[in-house]
Amino acid sequence: MDRFDAMRTLLAAIDGGSLSAASRQLGMPLPTVSRKVSELEAHLGTQLLIRTSRKLVLTEAGEGFVAAARRVMADLDEAERAAAGEYRTPSGDLLVTASLRFGKAYLTPVVLDFLAAYPRVNVRIIAADYVVDLIENHVDVAIRIGRLPDSSLVARRIGDAGWVVCASPAYLAARGVPQTPEDLAEHDCIAFEGLQPARSWPFGADASARSVAITPRFAGNTADAVIAAASAGVGVGRLLSYQAAEAITSGALVPILTTHAPPPMPVHLVHPGLPMIPLKLRAFLDFVGPRLKDALAAGVPR
């Protein structure tokens, strides 16, 4: 039995949620996947998985073994990359994630410049308005906006993104311009929310900090949806500065309540804390970081 192969098979089954998922990911017949996992259990003399009709459940022994197997496979991958020369010259693939608007307006233009400077590095960008798990999805680096929770990830702060409350000129002409956050009670609002409602907006800082309840006329889970609704005159929207920058520059949206803005949100480059950082990742961080910092400081996309 090849123990490394058996561990890869087990991890693929756990990450995919089933032996069938591991079979598809590895391009391996399902009976072979099942046999490799069974051989590993026989070698260890303990049951690692409980197979139900709907999912795989780790036993207590399985949980401990899978955690150790992940460390072993990570060390092996590092050793293979080092042997292949990844630590001598920037080369290989990078997976990067960011929010939809940030990815389009800020990240993509900088990455294109990076590709021109480093022809042996390939970059794939996943843009999504939700938090992507870096470890589970094997992401090399992410742009995270907001307060960071404690974790083993390494973060480099590259700037801030302020909050902008805005509406279309037509809406403001018809309904009037709110002078205080409390005036929003008399206005139609547009919420940026997912499955969980977000029905209050923070304003001010320190002693003047408070939250104001809103009643959304429309809600969407992407910045583009909020911008489209606000530009169409549906109501007042609240966005991060980089999300609203293009619409404000074009005149489609007008900032309001600017003196009541809450503190800006920090923007970080985040990556897993690897014992050895590949040159491709180090080169990416050193190239992209300062350029994104300058763009954020300027307040406009590239």
Protein backbone atom coordinates (compact mmCIF):
# COMPACT_ATOMS: atom_id res chain seq x y z
CA MET A 1 0.00 0.00 0.00
CA ASP A 2 1.24 3.47 -0.94
CA ARG A 3 0.48 5.43 2.22
CA PHE A 4 0.85 8.84 0.57
CA ASP A 5 -1.57 7.78 -2.17
CA ALA A 6 -3.98 6.40 0.43
CA MET A 7 -3.84 9.66 2.43
CA ARG A 8 -4.51 11.72 -0.72
CA THR A 9 -7.50 9.52 -1.46
CA LEU A 10 -8.86 9.87 2.07
CA LEU A 11 -8.46 13.67 2.04
CA ALA A 12 -10.16 13.91 -1.36
CA ALA A 13 -13.11 11.92 0.03
CA ILE A 14 -13.38 14.14 3.13
CA ASP A 15 -13.06 17.40 1.18
CA GLY A 16 -15.52 16.23 -1.47
CA GLY A 17 -17.98 14.79 1.04
CA SER A 18 -18.15 11.32 -0.49
CA LEU A 19 -16.15 8.50 -2.03
CA SER A 20 -17.85 9.28 -5.35
CA ALA A 21 -16.58 12.87 -5.20
CA ALA A 22 -13.05 11.59 -4.57
CA SER A 23 -13.42 9.22 -7.51
CA ARG A 24 -14.35 12.11 -9.82
CA GLN A 25 -11.64 14.43 -8.51
CA LEU A 26 -8.86 11.86 -8.73
CA GLY A 27 -10.05 10.23 -11.96
CA MET A 28 -10.04 6.91 -10.13
CA PRO A 29 -12.69 4.15 -10.22
CA LEU A 30 -15.01 4.21 -7.21
CA PRO A 31 -14.11 0.63 -6.13
CA THR A 32 -10.42 1.64 -6.13
CA VAL A 33 -11.15 4.65 -3.92
CA SER A 34 -13.09 2.47 -1.48
CA ARG A 35 -10.33 -0.14 -1.47
CA LYS A 36 -7.59 2.40 -0.75
CA VAL A 37 -9.51 3.83 2.21
CA SER A 38 -10.24 0.34 3.54
CA GLU A 39 -6.57 -0.66 3.19
CA LEU A 40 -5.53 2.44 5.12
CA GLU A 41 -7.97 1.60 7.90
CA ALA A 42 -6.69 -1.98 7.97
CA HIS A 43 -3.09 -0.76 8.12
CA LEU A 44 -3.91 1.55 11.04
CA GLY A 45 -6.09 -1.03 12.76
CA THR A 46 -8.93 1.44 13.31
CA GLN A 47 -12.00 2.81 11.56
CA LEU A 48 -11.53 6.28 10.14
CA LEU A 49 -14.87 6.84 8.42
CA ILE A 50 -18.50 6.06 9.08
CA ARG A 51 -20.18 5.68 5.71
CA THR A 52 -23.84 6.72 5.66
CA SER A 53 -26.18 6.96 2.69
CA ARG A 54 -25.81 10.76 2.63
CA LYS A 55 -22.28 11.62 3.76
CA LEU A 56 -19.03 10.56 5.33
CA VAL A 57 -18.52 11.09 9.06
CA LEU A 58 -15.07 10.97 10.66
CA THR A 59 -14.59 8.90 13.76
CA GLU A 60 -12.57 10.37 16.64
CA ALA A 61 -9.51 8.49 15.38
CA GLY A 62 -10.30 9.69 11.87
CA GLU A 63 -10.37 13.34 12.92
CA GLY A 64 -6.92 13.10 14.46
CA PHE A 65 -5.49 11.19 11.51
CA VAL A 66 -6.94 13.56 8.89
CA ALA A 67 -5.44 16.59 10.67
CA ALA A 68 -2.04 14.88 10.72
CA ALA A 69 -2.42 13.75 7.10
CA ARG A 70 -3.06 17.32 5.98
CA ARG A 71 0.17 18.45 7.62
CA VAL A 72 2.11 15.58 6.06
CA MET A 73 0.72 16.25 2.57
CA ALA A 74 1.38 19.98 2.90
CA ASP A 75 5.01 19.28 3.83
CA LEU A 76 5.31 16.87 0.90
CA ASP A 77 3.88 19.43 -1.52
CA GLU A 78 6.34 22.02 -0.21
CA ALA A 79 9.24 19.61 -0.71
CA GLU A 80 8.13 18.80 -4.25
CA ARG A 81 7.79 22.48 -5.16
CA ALA A 82 11.24 23.20 -3.74
CA ALA A 83 12.74 20.32 -5.71
CA ALA A 84 11.02 21.59 -8.87
CA GLY A 85 12.70 24.97 -8.50
CA GLU A 86 9.71 27.01 -7.33
CA TYR A 87 11.89 28.57 -4.63
CA ARG A 88 14.63 29.56 -7.06
CA THR A 89 12.63 31.55 -9.61
CA PRO A 90 9.04 32.81 -9.63
CA SER A 91 7.08 30.20 -11.58
CA GLY A 92 3.92 28.15 -11.35
CA ASP A 93 0.25 28.88 -10.71
CA LEU A 94 -1.41 31.27 -8.26
CA LEU A 95 -5.07 31.27 -7.19
CA VAL A 96 -6.28 34.67 -5.98
CA THR A 97 -9.69 35.69 -4.65
CA ALA A 98 -11.38 39.07 -4.15
CA SER A 99 -14.86 40.56 -4.14
CA LEU A 100 -16.52 41.08 -7.52
CA ARG A 101 -16.13 44.88 -7.72
CA PHE A 102 -12.66 44.97 -6.21
CA GLY A 103 -11.52 42.21 -8.53
CA LYS A 104 -12.80 44.02 -11.60
CA ALA A 105 -11.81 47.59 -10.76
CA TYR A 106 -8.56 47.19 -8.83
CA LEU A 107 -7.11 43.69 -8.83
CA THR A 108 -7.40 42.57 -12.45
CA PRO A 109 -5.50 45.54 -14.00
CA VAL A 110 -2.65 45.09 -11.51
CA VAL A 111 -2.52 41.33 -12.10
CA LEU A 112 -2.26 41.88 -15.85
CA ASP A 113 0.79 44.07 -15.22
CA PHE A 114 2.18 41.35 -12.94
CA LEU A 115 1.82 38.74 -15.68
CA ALA A 116 3.80 40.93 -18.05
CA ALA A 117 6.58 41.27 -15.48
CA TYR A 118 6.61 37.55 -14.51
CA PRO A 119 6.00 35.46 -17.66
CA ARG A 120 6.51 32.14 -15.84
CA VAL A 121 3.70 32.73 -13.33
CA ASN A 122 0.05 32.02 -14.16
CA VAL A 123 -2.75 33.65 -12.16
CA ARG A 124 -6.39 32.61 -11.75
CA ILE A 125 -8.76 35.11 -10.10
CA ILE A 126 -11.93 33.97 -8.35
CA ALA A 127 -14.19 37.01 -7.81
CA ALA A 128 -17.07 36.48 -5.39
CA ASP A 129 -18.99 38.57 -2.86
CA TYR A 130 -18.55 35.98 -0.11
CA VAL A 131 -15.60 34.81 1.97
CA VAL A 132 -13.69 31.97 0.31
CA ASP A 133 -11.91 29.58 2.68
CA LEU A 134 -8.24 29.80 1.69
CA ILE A 135 -7.11 26.48 3.17
CA GLU A 136 -10.05 24.38 2.03
CA ASN A 137 -9.96 25.78 -1.52
CA HIS A 138 -6.14 25.94 -1.83
CA VAL A 139 -6.17 29.70 -2.41
CA ASP A 140 -2.75 31.36 -2.44
CA VAL A 141 -3.80 34.90 -1.58
CA ALA A 142 -7.02 36.85 -0.95
CA ILE A 143 -8.01 40.48 -0.66
CA ARG A 144 -10.08 40.80 2.51
CA ILE A 145 -12.03 43.93 3.40
CA GLY A 146 -13.09 44.40 7.02
CA ARG A 147 -11.89 43.39 10.46
CA LEU A 148 -9.99 40.12 10.37
CA PRO A 149 -10.72 37.33 12.85
CA ASP A 150 -7.84 35.68 14.66
CA SER A 151 -6.42 32.89 12.52
CA SER A 152 -3.21 31.29 11.29
CA LEU A 153 -3.38 33.38 8.11
CA VAL A 154 -0.80 36.09 7.44
CA ALA A 155 -2.20 39.55 6.64
CA ARG A 156 -0.59 42.63 5.07
CA ARG A 157 -2.62 45.83 5.31
CA ILE A 158 -2.69 47.76 2.04
CA GLY A 159 -5.17 50.52 2.80
CA ASP A 160 -8.74 51.37 3.70
CA ALA A 161 -12.11 51.49 2.00
CA GLY A 162 -14.57 54.11 3.21
CA TRP A 163 -18.36 53.89 3.30
CA VAL A 164 -20.50 55.93 0.91
CA VAL A 165 -24.24 56.56 1.21
CA CYS A 166 -25.54 57.66 -2.18
CA ALA A 167 -28.54 58.05 -4.44
CA SER A 168 -29.31 59.11 -7.99
CA PRO A 169 -29.76 62.79 -8.82
CA ALA A 170 -33.35 62.05 -9.94
CA TYR A 171 -34.23 60.40 -6.61
CA LEU A 172 -32.75 63.27 -4.58
CA ALA A 173 -34.58 65.83 -6.72
CA ALA A 174 -37.88 64.04 -6.15
CA ARG A 175 -37.50 63.10 -2.49
CA GLY A 176 -35.04 65.63 -1.11
CA VAL A 177 -31.55 65.19 0.31
CA PRO A 178 -31.32 63.59 3.80
CA GLN A 179 -29.47 65.93 6.16
CA THR A 180 -28.96 63.48 9.02
CA PRO A 181 -28.86 59.67 9.20
CA GLU A 182 -32.16 59.74 11.07
CA ASP A 183 -33.79 61.32 8.00
CA LEU A 184 -33.43 57.94 6.25
CA ALA A 185 -36.57 56.82 8.07
CA GLU A 186 -38.48 58.92 5.52
CA HIS A 187 -36.64 57.47 2.52
CA ASP A 188 -36.62 54.28 0.48
CA CYS A 189 -33.40 52.40 1.08
CA ILE A 190 -31.45 49.72 -0.77
CA ALA A 191 -29.82 47.02 1.34
CA PHE A 192 -26.69 45.03 0.49
CA GLU A 193 -27.43 41.69 2.13
CA GLY A 194 -27.37 37.93 1.63
CA LEU A 195 -29.68 35.35 3.17
CA GLN A 196 -29.52 37.15 6.53
CA PRO A 197 -31.22 40.59 6.62
CA ALA A 198 -29.06 43.68 7.28
CA ARG A 199 -31.56 46.29 8.40
CA SER A 200 -29.39 48.91 10.08
CA TRP A 201 -26.54 51.14 8.93
CA PRO A 202 -23.76 52.45 11.22
CA PHE A 203 -22.89 56.14 11.21
CA GLY A 204 -20.36 58.35 12.97
CA ALA A 205 -17.38 57.39 15.09
CA ASP A 206 -16.39 57.29 18.75
CA ALA A 207 -18.92 59.25 20.84
CA SER A 208 -21.16 59.96 17.85
CA ALA A 209 -21.29 56.36 16.65
CA ARG A 210 -24.77 54.90 16.27
CA SER A 211 -26.82 52.57 14.09
CA VAL A 212 -29.86 53.72 12.17
CA ALA A 213 -32.64 51.30 11.25
CA ILE A 214 -33.64 51.16 7.57
CA THR A 215 -36.57 49.65 5.71
CA PRO A 216 -35.28 48.35 2.35
CA ARG A 217 -37.42 48.88 -0.71
CA PHE A 218 -34.94 46.63 -2.49
CA ALA A 219 -32.13 44.32 -1.36
CA GLY A 220 -29.42 42.52 -3.31
CA ASN A 221 -26.43 40.35 -2.46
CA THR A 222 -24.00 42.02 -4.88
CA ALA A 223 -22.70 45.55 -5.17
CA ASP A 224 -23.75 45.61 -8.83
CA ALA A 225 -27.38 45.00 -7.82
CA VAL A 226 -27.28 47.85 -5.28
CA ILE A 227 -25.63 50.21 -7.80
CA ALA A 228 -28.18 49.35 -10.50
CA ALA A 229 -31.12 49.94 -8.16
CA ALA A 230 -29.72 53.20 -6.79
CA SER A 231 -28.86 54.48 -10.27
CA ALA A 232 -32.41 53.68 -11.38
CA GLY A 233 -33.78 55.92 -8.62
CA VAL A 234 -35.19 53.16 -6.42
CA GLY A 235 -33.74 54.66 -3.26
CA VAL A 236 -30.68 55.38 -1.13
CA GLY A 237 -27.86 52.84 -1.16
CA ARG A 238 -24.83 52.22 1.01
CA LEU A 239 -21.60 50.92 -0.52
CA LEU A 240 -17.87 50.84 -0.01
CA SER A 241 -16.01 53.65 -1.76
CA TYR A 242 -14.37 51.45 -4.40
CA GLN A 243 -17.74 49.87 -5.23
CA ALA A 244 -19.42 53.21 -5.85
CA ALA A 245 -16.43 55.03 -7.41
CA GLU A 246 -17.35 54.43 -11.06
CA ALA A 247 -21.02 55.40 -10.64
CA ILE A 248 -20.11 58.52 -8.66
CA THR A 249 -17.49 59.57 -11.23
CA SER A 250 -20.01 59.18 -14.04
CA GLY A 251 -22.64 61.17 -12.14
CA ALA A 252 -25.08 58.27 -11.88
CA LEU A 253 -24.88 58.46 -8.08
CA VAL A 254 -24.33 61.36 -5.68
CA PRO A 255 -22.74 60.91 -2.21
CA ILE A 256 -24.82 62.13 0.74
CA LEU A 257 -24.38 62.25 4.54
CA THR A 258 -20.61 62.45 4.00
CA THR A 259 -19.96 64.10 7.39
CA HIS A 260 -21.61 61.18 9.18
CA ALA A 261 -19.50 58.37 7.67
CA PRO A 262 -18.34 55.60 10.03
CA PRO A 263 -14.64 54.61 10.21
CA PRO A 264 -13.32 53.04 6.99
CA MET A 265 -12.81 49.30 6.59
CA PRO A 266 -9.23 47.98 6.47
CA VAL A 267 -8.10 46.20 3.31
CA HIS A 268 -5.60 43.34 3.63
CA LEU A 269 -3.71 40.93 1.42
CA VAL A 270 -4.11 37.60 3.21
CA HIS A 271 -2.28 34.33 2.60
CA PRO A 272 -1.68 31.05 4.44
CA GLY A 273 1.25 31.07 6.84
CA LEU A 274 3.58 28.69 5.01
CA PRO A 275 6.96 27.68 6.50
CA MET A 276 8.52 28.59 3.14
CA ILE A 277 6.86 31.20 0.95
CA PRO A 278 7.25 30.30 -2.74
CA LEU A 279 8.94 32.96 -4.83
CA LYS A 280 5.84 33.22 -7.04
CA LEU A 281 3.78 34.26 -3.99
CA ARG A 282 6.46 36.56 -2.60
CA ALA A 283 6.82 38.22 -6.00
CA PHE A 284 3.05 38.63 -6.26
CA LEU A 285 2.74 40.21 -2.81
CA ASP A 286 5.66 42.58 -3.41
CA PHE A 287 4.36 43.61 -6.85
CA VAL A 288 0.63 43.84 -6.22
CA GLY A 289 0.65 45.18 -2.65
CA PRO A 290 2.15 48.65 -3.28
CA ARG A 291 0.11 49.17 -6.45
CA LEU A 292 -3.19 48.34 -4.76
CA LYS A 293 -2.17 50.55 -1.84
CA ASP A 294 -1.61 53.50 -4.19
CA ALA A 295 -4.94 52.91 -5.95
CA LEU A 296 -6.83 52.74 -2.65
CA ALA A 297 -5.12 55.89 -1.40
CA ALA A 298 -6.07 57.71 -4.61
CA GLY A 299 -9.67 56.59 -4.16
CA VAL A 300 -10.11 55.57 -7.79
CA PRO A 301 -9.53 52.32 -9.69
CA ARG A 302 -6.64 51.85 -12.07
